[in-house]
């Protein structure tokens, strides 16, 4: 099994942290998705990372699906409830955190094209702000949810330091500070 991912992909980092916490060895093959490498396109015709290539050559794509696979691979794992209300709340936290990442990545692609203002740009910033406010109240819901939140917050610090997300989200800042010091987050820190 190997993960096709770029070193700075926050979606891949989420998976790498989860694998670390679950004790799963997860080799990573550095993959630049914008160059459409053959191995990536064979695993994911959408040309997106991360993609998990299994030992039989089949692939699992999209970080929530890969996360579910990793969690299901470890019977008795304690990161997320297997069912019920707590399970769906953890999945909702993941969706909110991934939505923050989606908006941030849209902003990065827009900036690369010189688009730094307008209704679509402002919509992304508002989405990030609203989701952060909601996630600020979801801290501690599950280890899995907290990992997703911390990855999203650290990505914002990495790519959008001027956002100042910590200023109005004390619980998120405390969570990020605590988790970013753990071995799983230290081992998966993106290059500067």
N, C-alpha and C. Protein backbone atom coordinates (compact mmCIF):
# COMPACT_ATOMS: atom_id res chain seq x y z
N UNK A 1 0.85 -1.17 0.00
CA UNK A 1 0.00 0.00 0.00
C UNK A 1 0.90 1.24 0.00
N UNK A 2 0.51 2.24 -0.81
CA UNK A 2 1.25 3.50 -0.80
C UNK A 2 0.29 4.64 -1.10
N UNK A 3 0.63 5.80 -0.57
CA UNK A 3 -0.18 6.98 -0.76
C UNK A 3 0.49 7.88 -1.79
N UNK A 4 -0.21 8.18 -2.87
CA UNK A 4 0.27 9.15 -3.84
C UNK A 4 -0.17 10.52 -3.35
N UNK A 5 0.79 11.39 -3.09
CA UNK A 5 0.45 12.68 -2.48
C UNK A 5 1.56 13.68 -2.70
N UNK A 6 1.19 14.95 -2.69
CA UNK A 6 2.21 15.99 -2.70
C UNK A 6 2.57 16.32 -1.25
N UNK A 7 3.78 16.79 -1.06
CA UNK A 7 4.29 17.04 0.29
C UNK A 7 3.51 18.12 1.02
N UNK A 8 2.86 19.01 0.30
CA UNK A 8 2.14 20.10 0.94
C UNK A 8 0.62 19.89 0.96
N UNK A 9 0.14 18.75 0.47
CA UNK A 9 -1.30 18.50 0.44
C UNK A 9 -1.84 18.34 1.87
N UNK A 10 -2.75 19.22 2.29
CA UNK A 10 -3.31 19.06 3.63
C UNK A 10 -4.22 17.83 3.73
N UNK A 11 -4.85 17.45 2.63
CA UNK A 11 -5.69 16.26 2.64
C UNK A 11 -4.83 15.02 2.89
N UNK A 12 -3.66 14.97 2.25
CA UNK A 12 -2.74 13.87 2.48
C UNK A 12 -2.17 13.92 3.89
N UNK A 13 -1.93 15.11 4.39
CA UNK A 13 -1.41 15.21 5.76
C UNK A 13 -2.41 14.64 6.75
N UNK A 14 -3.68 14.93 6.55
CA UNK A 14 -4.71 14.35 7.43
C UNK A 14 -4.57 12.83 7.45
N UNK A 15 -4.41 12.23 6.29
CA UNK A 15 -4.30 10.77 6.20
C UNK A 15 -3.02 10.26 6.84
N UNK A 16 -1.94 11.00 6.64
CA UNK A 16 -0.67 10.59 7.22
C UNK A 16 -0.73 10.66 8.74
N UNK A 17 -1.38 11.69 9.29
CA UNK A 17 -1.53 11.79 10.75
C UNK A 17 -2.40 10.64 11.26
N UNK A 18 -3.50 10.37 10.59
CA UNK A 18 -4.39 9.28 11.00
C UNK A 18 -3.64 7.95 10.97
N UNK A 19 -2.92 7.69 9.90
CA UNK A 19 -2.14 6.45 9.80
C UNK A 19 -1.14 6.35 10.95
N UNK A 20 -0.47 7.45 11.23
CA UNK A 20 0.51 7.48 12.32
C UNK A 20 -0.18 7.14 13.64
N UNK A 21 -1.32 7.77 13.90
CA UNK A 21 -2.04 7.53 15.15
C UNK A 21 -2.56 6.10 15.24
N UNK A 22 -2.88 5.50 14.11
CA UNK A 22 -3.39 4.12 14.09
C UNK A 22 -2.28 3.08 14.04
N UNK A 23 -1.04 3.53 13.88
CA UNK A 23 0.09 2.60 13.79
C UNK A 23 0.18 1.90 12.45
N UNK A 24 -0.33 2.52 11.41
CA UNK A 24 -0.29 1.96 10.05
C UNK A 24 0.91 2.55 9.31
N UNK A 25 1.76 1.68 8.79
CA UNK A 25 2.87 2.14 7.95
C UNK A 25 2.26 2.59 6.62
N UNK A 26 2.49 3.84 6.27
CA UNK A 26 1.89 4.39 5.05
C UNK A 26 2.97 5.09 4.23
N UNK A 27 3.65 4.32 3.36
CA UNK A 27 4.64 4.96 2.49
C UNK A 27 3.98 5.99 1.59
N UNK A 28 4.69 7.09 1.37
CA UNK A 28 4.17 8.17 0.54
C UNK A 28 5.06 8.33 -0.68
N UNK A 29 4.43 8.33 -1.85
CA UNK A 29 5.15 8.60 -3.09
C UNK A 29 4.86 10.04 -3.48
N UNK A 30 5.90 10.87 -3.45
CA UNK A 30 5.73 12.28 -3.76
C UNK A 30 5.22 12.41 -5.19
N UNK A 31 4.06 13.06 -5.33
CA UNK A 31 3.36 13.13 -6.61
C UNK A 31 2.93 14.57 -6.87
N UNK A 32 3.32 15.09 -8.00
CA UNK A 32 2.93 16.45 -8.40
C UNK A 32 1.70 16.34 -9.30
N UNK A 33 0.50 16.56 -8.77
CA UNK A 33 -0.70 16.31 -9.56
C UNK A 33 -0.84 17.18 -10.80
N UNK A 34 -0.30 18.37 -10.78
CA UNK A 34 -0.46 19.27 -11.93
C UNK A 34 0.29 18.81 -13.17
N UNK A 35 1.18 17.84 -13.01
CA UNK A 35 1.92 17.30 -14.16
C UNK A 35 1.26 16.04 -14.74
N UNK A 36 0.13 15.63 -14.15
CA UNK A 36 -0.60 14.45 -14.60
C UNK A 36 0.29 13.21 -14.77
N UNK A 37 1.00 12.82 -13.71
CA UNK A 37 1.85 11.62 -13.84
C UNK A 37 1.00 10.37 -14.09
N UNK A 38 1.55 9.47 -14.85
CA UNK A 38 0.82 8.26 -15.26
C UNK A 38 0.34 7.46 -14.06
N UNK A 39 1.18 7.32 -13.02
CA UNK A 39 0.78 6.53 -11.85
C UNK A 39 -0.44 7.14 -11.16
N UNK A 40 -0.48 8.46 -11.09
CA UNK A 40 -1.63 9.11 -10.47
C UNK A 40 -2.88 8.94 -11.32
N UNK A 41 -2.77 9.15 -12.62
CA UNK A 41 -3.93 9.01 -13.49
C UNK A 41 -4.46 7.57 -13.52
N UNK A 42 -3.56 6.60 -13.35
CA UNK A 42 -4.00 5.21 -13.28
C UNK A 42 -4.77 4.95 -11.99
N UNK A 43 -4.37 5.61 -10.92
CA UNK A 43 -5.05 5.45 -9.63
C UNK A 43 -6.30 6.30 -9.53
N UNK A 44 -6.23 7.52 -10.07
CA UNK A 44 -7.35 8.45 -9.99
C UNK A 44 -7.45 9.22 -11.30
N UNK A 45 -8.40 8.87 -12.13
CA UNK A 45 -8.52 9.54 -13.43
C UNK A 45 -8.80 11.03 -13.30
N UNK A 46 -9.21 11.49 -12.12
CA UNK A 46 -9.41 12.92 -11.90
C UNK A 46 -8.09 13.67 -11.76
N UNK A 47 -6.99 12.91 -11.56
CA UNK A 47 -5.68 13.53 -11.44
C UNK A 47 -5.48 14.27 -10.12
N UNK A 48 -6.20 13.84 -9.09
CA UNK A 48 -6.13 14.52 -7.80
C UNK A 48 -5.44 13.63 -6.77
N UNK A 49 -4.70 14.27 -5.88
CA UNK A 49 -4.12 13.59 -4.73
C UNK A 49 -4.93 14.00 -3.50
N UNK A 50 -4.93 13.14 -2.50
CA UNK A 50 -4.25 11.85 -2.40
C UNK A 50 -5.03 10.72 -3.06
N UNK A 51 -4.26 9.70 -3.40
CA UNK A 51 -4.82 8.44 -3.90
C UNK A 51 -4.07 7.32 -3.20
N UNK A 52 -4.79 6.37 -2.70
CA UNK A 52 -4.18 5.24 -2.00
C UNK A 52 -4.17 4.05 -2.94
N UNK A 53 -2.97 3.57 -3.27
CA UNK A 53 -2.82 2.40 -4.13
C UNK A 53 -2.61 1.20 -3.23
N UNK A 54 -3.50 0.23 -3.34
CA UNK A 54 -3.43 -0.97 -2.50
C UNK A 54 -2.48 -1.99 -3.10
N UNK A 55 -2.13 -2.99 -2.31
CA UNK A 55 -1.15 -3.99 -2.74
C UNK A 55 -1.62 -4.77 -3.97
N UNK A 56 -2.92 -4.88 -4.19
CA UNK A 56 -3.42 -5.60 -5.36
C UNK A 56 -3.49 -4.71 -6.60
N UNK A 57 -3.05 -3.44 -6.47
CA UNK A 57 -3.04 -2.52 -7.59
C UNK A 57 -4.30 -1.67 -7.70
N UNK A 58 -5.34 -2.01 -6.97
CA UNK A 58 -6.54 -1.18 -6.98
C UNK A 58 -6.28 0.09 -6.18
N UNK A 59 -7.16 1.06 -6.33
CA UNK A 59 -6.94 2.35 -5.68
C UNK A 59 -8.20 2.81 -4.96
N UNK A 60 -7.97 3.61 -3.93
CA UNK A 60 -9.03 4.29 -3.21
C UNK A 60 -8.70 5.77 -3.31
N UNK A 61 -9.69 6.60 -3.67
CA UNK A 61 -9.43 8.02 -3.86
C UNK A 61 -10.35 8.86 -2.98
N UNK A 62 -9.92 10.09 -2.76
CA UNK A 62 -10.61 11.11 -1.98
C UNK A 62 -10.32 10.89 -0.50
N UNK A 63 -9.85 11.94 0.14
CA UNK A 63 -9.37 11.78 1.51
C UNK A 63 -10.42 11.26 2.49
N UNK A 64 -11.71 11.66 2.43
CA UNK A 64 -12.65 11.06 3.38
C UNK A 64 -12.82 9.55 3.18
N UNK A 65 -12.77 9.10 1.93
CA UNK A 65 -12.91 7.67 1.65
C UNK A 65 -11.66 6.93 2.14
N UNK A 66 -10.50 7.50 1.88
CA UNK A 66 -9.25 6.88 2.33
C UNK A 66 -9.21 6.87 3.86
N UNK A 67 -9.64 7.95 4.49
CA UNK A 67 -9.66 7.99 5.96
C UNK A 67 -10.56 6.89 6.50
N UNK A 68 -11.73 6.70 5.90
CA UNK A 68 -12.64 5.63 6.33
C UNK A 68 -11.98 4.27 6.18
N UNK A 69 -11.26 4.08 5.08
CA UNK A 69 -10.55 2.82 4.85
C UNK A 69 -9.50 2.59 5.94
N UNK A 70 -8.71 3.62 6.24
CA UNK A 70 -7.68 3.47 7.28
C UNK A 70 -8.31 3.15 8.63
N UNK A 71 -9.36 3.85 8.98
CA UNK A 71 -10.04 3.59 10.26
C UNK A 71 -10.60 2.17 10.31
N UNK A 72 -11.18 1.71 9.20
CA UNK A 72 -11.74 0.36 9.15
C UNK A 72 -10.66 -0.71 9.18
N UNK A 73 -9.42 -0.35 8.88
CA UNK A 73 -8.32 -1.31 8.84
C UNK A 73 -7.81 -1.68 10.23
N UNK A 74 -8.23 -0.94 11.23
CA UNK A 74 -7.74 -1.18 12.59
C UNK A 74 -8.93 -1.48 13.51
N UNK A 75 -9.22 -2.76 13.72
CA UNK A 75 -10.32 -3.11 14.62
C UNK A 75 -10.08 -2.52 16.01
N UNK A 76 -11.13 -1.96 16.57
CA UNK A 76 -11.02 -1.40 17.91
C UNK A 76 -10.37 -0.03 17.98
N UNK A 77 -10.15 0.61 16.85
CA UNK A 77 -9.53 1.94 16.86
C UNK A 77 -10.38 2.89 17.71
N UNK A 78 -9.72 3.86 18.32
CA UNK A 78 -10.39 4.77 19.24
C UNK A 78 -10.48 6.21 18.71
N UNK A 79 -10.08 6.44 17.48
CA UNK A 79 -10.10 7.80 16.95
C UNK A 79 -11.51 8.28 16.64
N UNK A 80 -12.39 7.36 16.24
CA UNK A 80 -13.75 7.76 15.87
C UNK A 80 -14.72 6.62 16.17
N UNK A 81 -15.89 6.98 16.66
CA UNK A 81 -16.95 5.99 16.90
C UNK A 81 -17.31 5.32 15.58
N UNK A 82 -17.64 4.05 15.66
CA UNK A 82 -17.96 3.30 14.45
C UNK A 82 -19.34 3.59 13.91
N UNK A 83 -20.23 4.07 14.75
CA UNK A 83 -21.59 4.34 14.31
C UNK A 83 -22.25 5.30 15.29
N UNK A 84 -23.48 5.63 15.00
CA UNK A 84 -24.26 6.48 15.88
C UNK A 84 -23.95 7.96 15.74
N UNK A 85 -24.52 8.71 16.65
CA UNK A 85 -24.43 10.17 16.63
C UNK A 85 -22.97 10.66 16.60
N UNK A 86 -22.13 10.10 17.47
CA UNK A 86 -20.73 10.56 17.53
C UNK A 86 -19.99 10.32 16.21
N UNK A 87 -20.31 9.22 15.54
CA UNK A 87 -19.69 8.93 14.24
C UNK A 87 -20.05 10.02 13.23
N UNK A 88 -21.33 10.35 13.17
CA UNK A 88 -21.77 11.32 12.17
C UNK A 88 -21.32 12.73 12.52
N UNK A 89 -21.17 13.02 13.79
CA UNK A 89 -20.63 14.33 14.17
C UNK A 89 -19.16 14.43 13.77
N UNK A 90 -18.40 13.35 13.95
CA UNK A 90 -16.99 13.35 13.54
C UNK A 90 -16.88 13.51 12.03
N UNK A 91 -17.74 12.83 11.28
CA UNK A 91 -17.74 12.97 9.82
C UNK A 91 -18.12 14.39 9.40
N UNK A 92 -19.04 15.00 10.12
CA UNK A 92 -19.43 16.38 9.83
C UNK A 92 -18.28 17.33 10.11
N UNK A 93 -17.56 17.09 11.19
CA UNK A 93 -16.38 17.91 11.48
C UNK A 93 -15.36 17.76 10.37
N UNK A 94 -15.17 16.54 9.89
CA UNK A 94 -14.25 16.31 8.78
C UNK A 94 -14.70 17.11 7.55
N UNK A 95 -16.00 17.08 7.25
CA UNK A 95 -16.52 17.80 6.09
C UNK A 95 -16.30 19.31 6.23
N UNK A 96 -16.49 19.85 7.43
CA UNK A 96 -16.25 21.27 7.66
C UNK A 96 -14.78 21.61 7.46
N UNK A 97 -13.90 20.80 8.05
CA UNK A 97 -12.46 21.04 7.91
C UNK A 97 -12.02 20.92 6.46
N UNK A 98 -12.51 19.90 5.77
CA UNK A 98 -12.18 19.75 4.34
C UNK A 98 -12.74 20.91 3.53
N UNK A 99 -13.90 21.43 3.92
CA UNK A 99 -14.47 22.59 3.24
C UNK A 99 -13.61 23.83 3.40
N UNK A 100 -13.01 24.00 4.58
CA UNK A 100 -12.06 25.09 4.79
C UNK A 100 -10.88 24.92 3.85
N UNK A 101 -10.39 23.69 3.75
CA UNK A 101 -9.26 23.42 2.85
C UNK A 101 -9.66 23.67 1.39
N UNK A 102 -10.85 23.23 1.01
CA UNK A 102 -11.33 23.47 -0.36
C UNK A 102 -11.33 24.96 -0.69
N UNK A 103 -11.90 25.76 0.22
CA UNK A 103 -11.97 27.20 0.00
C UNK A 103 -10.58 27.81 -0.07
N UNK A 104 -9.68 27.38 0.82
CA UNK A 104 -8.32 27.92 0.83
C UNK A 104 -7.58 27.57 -0.46
N UNK A 105 -7.78 26.37 -0.95
CA UNK A 105 -7.10 25.96 -2.19
C UNK A 105 -7.67 26.71 -3.39
N UNK A 106 -8.97 26.93 -3.40
CA UNK A 106 -9.57 27.75 -4.46
C UNK A 106 -8.93 29.14 -4.44
N UNK A 107 -8.78 29.70 -3.26
CA UNK A 107 -8.15 31.03 -3.15
C UNK A 107 -6.73 31.01 -3.68
N UNK A 108 -5.98 29.95 -3.37
CA UNK A 108 -4.59 29.86 -3.87
C UNK A 108 -4.55 29.79 -5.39
N UNK A 109 -5.43 28.98 -5.98
CA UNK A 109 -5.46 28.89 -7.44
C UNK A 109 -5.88 30.23 -8.06
N UNK A 110 -6.85 30.88 -7.44
CA UNK A 110 -7.25 32.20 -7.94
C UNK A 110 -6.10 33.19 -7.87
N UNK A 111 -5.39 33.21 -6.75
CA UNK A 111 -4.26 34.13 -6.59
C UNK A 111 -3.19 33.87 -7.65
N UNK A 112 -2.96 32.60 -7.95
CA UNK A 112 -1.96 32.26 -8.97
C UNK A 112 -2.35 32.80 -10.34
N UNK A 113 -3.64 33.04 -10.53
CA UNK A 113 -4.13 33.60 -11.79
C UNK A 113 -4.37 35.10 -11.69
N UNK A 114 -3.97 35.69 -10.56
CA UNK A 114 -4.11 37.12 -10.37
C UNK A 114 -5.50 37.56 -9.92
N UNK A 115 -6.32 36.61 -9.52
CA UNK A 115 -7.68 36.93 -9.05
C UNK A 115 -7.64 37.03 -7.53
N UNK A 116 -7.70 38.25 -7.03
CA UNK A 116 -7.59 38.45 -5.57
C UNK A 116 -8.80 39.14 -4.96
N UNK A 117 -9.80 39.43 -5.78
CA UNK A 117 -11.01 40.05 -5.25
C UNK A 117 -12.18 39.67 -6.13
N UNK A 118 -13.35 40.03 -5.66
CA UNK A 118 -14.58 39.73 -6.39
C UNK A 118 -15.48 38.84 -5.57
N UNK A 119 -16.71 38.62 -6.04
CA UNK A 119 -17.70 37.87 -5.27
C UNK A 119 -17.27 36.44 -4.94
N UNK A 120 -16.64 35.76 -5.90
CA UNK A 120 -16.23 34.37 -5.67
C UNK A 120 -15.12 34.31 -4.62
N UNK A 121 -14.19 35.20 -4.66
CA UNK A 121 -13.09 35.25 -3.68
C UNK A 121 -13.66 35.56 -2.30
N UNK A 122 -14.51 36.57 -2.22
CA UNK A 122 -15.09 36.96 -0.93
C UNK A 122 -15.94 35.82 -0.36
N UNK A 123 -16.61 35.09 -1.22
CA UNK A 123 -17.40 33.94 -0.76
C UNK A 123 -16.52 32.90 -0.08
N UNK A 124 -15.34 32.66 -0.62
CA UNK A 124 -14.43 31.67 -0.02
C UNK A 124 -13.96 32.13 1.36
N UNK A 125 -13.60 33.40 1.46
CA UNK A 125 -13.17 33.92 2.76
C UNK A 125 -14.29 33.84 3.79
N UNK A 126 -15.51 34.16 3.39
CA UNK A 126 -16.65 34.07 4.32
C UNK A 126 -16.90 32.62 4.74
N UNK A 127 -16.77 31.70 3.81
CA UNK A 127 -16.96 30.28 4.13
C UNK A 127 -15.94 29.82 5.15
N UNK A 128 -14.69 30.22 4.96
CA UNK A 128 -13.65 29.85 5.91
C UNK A 128 -13.97 30.42 7.29
N UNK A 129 -14.33 31.68 7.34
CA UNK A 129 -14.63 32.34 8.62
C UNK A 129 -15.79 31.66 9.34
N UNK A 130 -16.86 31.36 8.62
CA UNK A 130 -18.03 30.70 9.24
C UNK A 130 -17.68 29.30 9.73
N UNK A 131 -16.97 28.55 8.92
CA UNK A 131 -16.62 27.18 9.30
C UNK A 131 -15.69 27.17 10.51
N UNK A 132 -14.74 28.10 10.56
CA UNK A 132 -13.86 28.17 11.73
C UNK A 132 -14.66 28.45 12.99
N UNK A 133 -15.63 29.35 12.90
CA UNK A 133 -16.45 29.68 14.07
C UNK A 133 -17.23 28.45 14.56
N UNK A 134 -17.76 27.68 13.62
CA UNK A 134 -18.49 26.46 14.01
C UNK A 134 -17.52 25.42 14.58
N UNK A 135 -16.39 25.21 13.92
CA UNK A 135 -15.42 24.22 14.41
C UNK A 135 -14.88 24.62 15.78
N UNK A 136 -14.81 25.90 16.07
CA UNK A 136 -14.33 26.36 17.37
C UNK A 136 -15.18 25.76 18.49
N UNK A 137 -16.45 25.48 18.21
CA UNK A 137 -17.33 24.85 19.18
C UNK A 137 -17.37 23.35 19.11
N UNK A 138 -16.62 22.74 18.16
CA UNK A 138 -16.64 21.29 17.99
C UNK A 138 -15.37 20.62 18.50
N UNK A 139 -14.45 21.41 19.03
CA UNK A 139 -13.19 20.85 19.53
C UNK A 139 -13.47 19.83 20.62
N UNK A 140 -12.79 18.71 20.55
CA UNK A 140 -12.94 17.68 21.58
C UNK A 140 -14.04 16.68 21.29
N UNK A 141 -14.70 16.81 20.13
CA UNK A 141 -15.77 15.88 19.80
C UNK A 141 -15.26 14.47 19.54
N UNK A 142 -14.12 14.35 18.89
CA UNK A 142 -13.47 13.06 18.64
C UNK A 142 -12.02 13.31 18.28
N UNK A 143 -11.19 12.31 18.50
CA UNK A 143 -9.79 12.44 18.09
C UNK A 143 -9.68 12.65 16.59
N UNK A 144 -10.51 11.95 15.83
CA UNK A 144 -10.52 12.08 14.38
C UNK A 144 -10.91 13.50 13.97
N UNK A 145 -11.99 14.00 14.53
CA UNK A 145 -12.43 15.36 14.21
C UNK A 145 -11.39 16.39 14.58
N UNK A 146 -10.77 16.22 15.73
CA UNK A 146 -9.73 17.16 16.15
C UNK A 146 -8.54 17.15 15.21
N UNK A 147 -8.18 15.98 14.70
CA UNK A 147 -7.09 15.89 13.72
C UNK A 147 -7.46 16.69 12.47
N UNK A 148 -8.68 16.49 11.99
CA UNK A 148 -9.13 17.21 10.78
C UNK A 148 -9.08 18.72 11.00
N UNK A 149 -9.56 19.16 12.16
CA UNK A 149 -9.55 20.59 12.48
C UNK A 149 -8.12 21.12 12.52
N UNK A 150 -7.23 20.43 13.22
CA UNK A 150 -5.85 20.91 13.36
C UNK A 150 -5.14 20.97 12.02
N UNK A 151 -5.39 20.00 11.15
CA UNK A 151 -4.78 20.04 9.81
C UNK A 151 -5.25 21.27 9.05
N UNK A 152 -6.55 21.53 9.09
CA UNK A 152 -7.08 22.70 8.37
C UNK A 152 -6.52 24.00 8.93
N UNK A 153 -6.47 24.12 10.24
CA UNK A 153 -5.95 25.34 10.85
C UNK A 153 -4.47 25.53 10.54
N UNK A 154 -3.71 24.45 10.57
CA UNK A 154 -2.28 24.58 10.28
C UNK A 154 -2.06 24.95 8.81
N UNK A 155 -2.91 24.44 7.92
CA UNK A 155 -2.80 24.82 6.52
C UNK A 155 -3.06 26.32 6.34
N UNK A 156 -4.06 26.82 7.06
CA UNK A 156 -4.33 28.26 6.99
C UNK A 156 -3.12 29.06 7.49
N UNK A 157 -2.50 28.59 8.56
CA UNK A 157 -1.30 29.28 9.07
C UNK A 157 -0.16 29.22 8.05
N UNK A 158 -0.04 28.09 7.37
CA UNK A 158 1.01 27.86 6.38
C UNK A 158 0.82 28.71 5.13
N UNK A 159 -0.41 28.75 4.60
CA UNK A 159 -0.66 29.42 3.32
C UNK A 159 -1.30 30.80 3.44
N UNK A 160 -1.98 31.06 4.55
CA UNK A 160 -2.70 32.32 4.73
C UNK A 160 -2.46 32.92 6.11
N UNK A 161 -1.20 33.17 6.46
CA UNK A 161 -0.92 33.67 7.81
C UNK A 161 -1.60 35.00 8.12
N UNK A 162 -1.92 35.78 7.10
CA UNK A 162 -2.55 37.08 7.34
C UNK A 162 -4.02 36.96 7.75
N UNK A 163 -4.61 35.78 7.64
CA UNK A 163 -6.01 35.62 8.03
C UNK A 163 -6.22 35.84 9.53
N UNK A 164 -5.21 35.54 10.33
CA UNK A 164 -5.33 35.74 11.76
C UNK A 164 -6.47 34.93 12.38
N UNK A 165 -6.64 33.69 11.94
CA UNK A 165 -7.74 32.84 12.40
C UNK A 165 -7.71 32.61 13.91
N UNK A 166 -6.54 32.67 14.53
CA UNK A 166 -6.42 32.40 15.97
C UNK A 166 -7.12 33.47 16.81
N UNK A 167 -7.15 34.68 16.30
CA UNK A 167 -7.66 35.81 17.07
C UNK A 167 -9.07 35.60 17.60
N UNK A 168 -9.95 35.01 16.80
CA UNK A 168 -11.35 34.85 17.20
C UNK A 168 -11.73 33.39 17.47
N UNK A 169 -10.75 32.51 17.48
CA UNK A 169 -11.03 31.08 17.62
C UNK A 169 -10.09 30.45 18.64
N UNK A 170 -10.27 30.84 19.89
CA UNK A 170 -9.36 30.40 20.96
C UNK A 170 -9.29 28.89 21.12
N UNK A 171 -10.44 28.21 21.04
CA UNK A 171 -10.42 26.75 21.20
C UNK A 171 -9.64 26.09 20.07
N UNK A 172 -9.78 26.62 18.85
CA UNK A 172 -9.02 26.07 17.72
C UNK A 172 -7.53 26.31 17.91
N UNK A 173 -7.17 27.49 18.38
CA UNK A 173 -5.76 27.81 18.59
C UNK A 173 -5.15 26.88 19.64
N UNK A 174 -5.87 26.66 20.73
CA UNK A 174 -5.36 25.75 21.77
C UNK A 174 -5.23 24.33 21.24
N UNK A 175 -6.22 23.87 20.49
CA UNK A 175 -6.16 22.53 19.92
C UNK A 175 -4.98 22.41 18.97
N UNK A 176 -4.84 23.37 18.07
CA UNK A 176 -3.74 23.32 17.11
C UNK A 176 -2.39 23.31 17.83
N UNK A 177 -2.23 24.17 18.82
CA UNK A 177 -0.96 24.20 19.55
C UNK A 177 -0.66 22.85 20.20
N UNK A 178 -1.68 22.23 20.78
CA UNK A 178 -1.49 20.94 21.45
C UNK A 178 -1.17 19.84 20.44
N UNK A 179 -1.98 19.74 19.38
CA UNK A 179 -1.79 18.64 18.43
C UNK A 179 -0.55 18.81 17.56
N UNK A 180 -0.23 20.04 17.19
CA UNK A 180 0.94 20.24 16.33
C UNK A 180 2.24 19.85 17.01
N UNK A 181 2.22 19.71 18.33
CA UNK A 181 3.41 19.29 19.08
C UNK A 181 3.50 17.77 19.22
N UNK A 182 2.47 17.04 18.77
CA UNK A 182 2.48 15.58 18.91
C UNK A 182 3.36 14.94 17.84
N UNK A 183 3.86 13.72 18.11
CA UNK A 183 4.73 13.07 17.11
C UNK A 183 4.09 12.92 15.73
N UNK A 184 2.78 12.64 15.66
CA UNK A 184 2.13 12.44 14.36
C UNK A 184 2.15 13.73 13.53
N UNK A 185 1.94 14.86 14.17
CA UNK A 185 1.94 16.13 13.43
C UNK A 185 3.36 16.59 13.13
N UNK A 186 4.27 16.38 14.05
CA UNK A 186 5.67 16.76 13.81
C UNK A 186 6.22 15.96 12.62
N UNK A 187 5.90 14.66 12.57
CA UNK A 187 6.42 13.78 11.51
C UNK A 187 5.83 14.11 10.15
N UNK A 188 4.70 14.81 10.11
CA UNK A 188 4.02 15.07 8.83
C UNK A 188 4.04 16.56 8.45
N UNK A 189 4.84 17.32 9.12
CA UNK A 189 4.89 18.76 8.83
C UNK A 189 5.33 19.00 7.39
N UNK A 190 4.60 19.85 6.67
CA UNK A 190 4.98 20.10 5.27
C UNK A 190 6.28 20.90 5.19
N UNK A 191 6.98 20.79 4.07
CA UNK A 191 8.21 21.58 3.92
C UNK A 191 7.88 23.07 3.89
N UNK A 192 8.80 23.86 4.37
CA UNK A 192 8.58 25.32 4.42
C UNK A 192 8.64 25.95 3.05
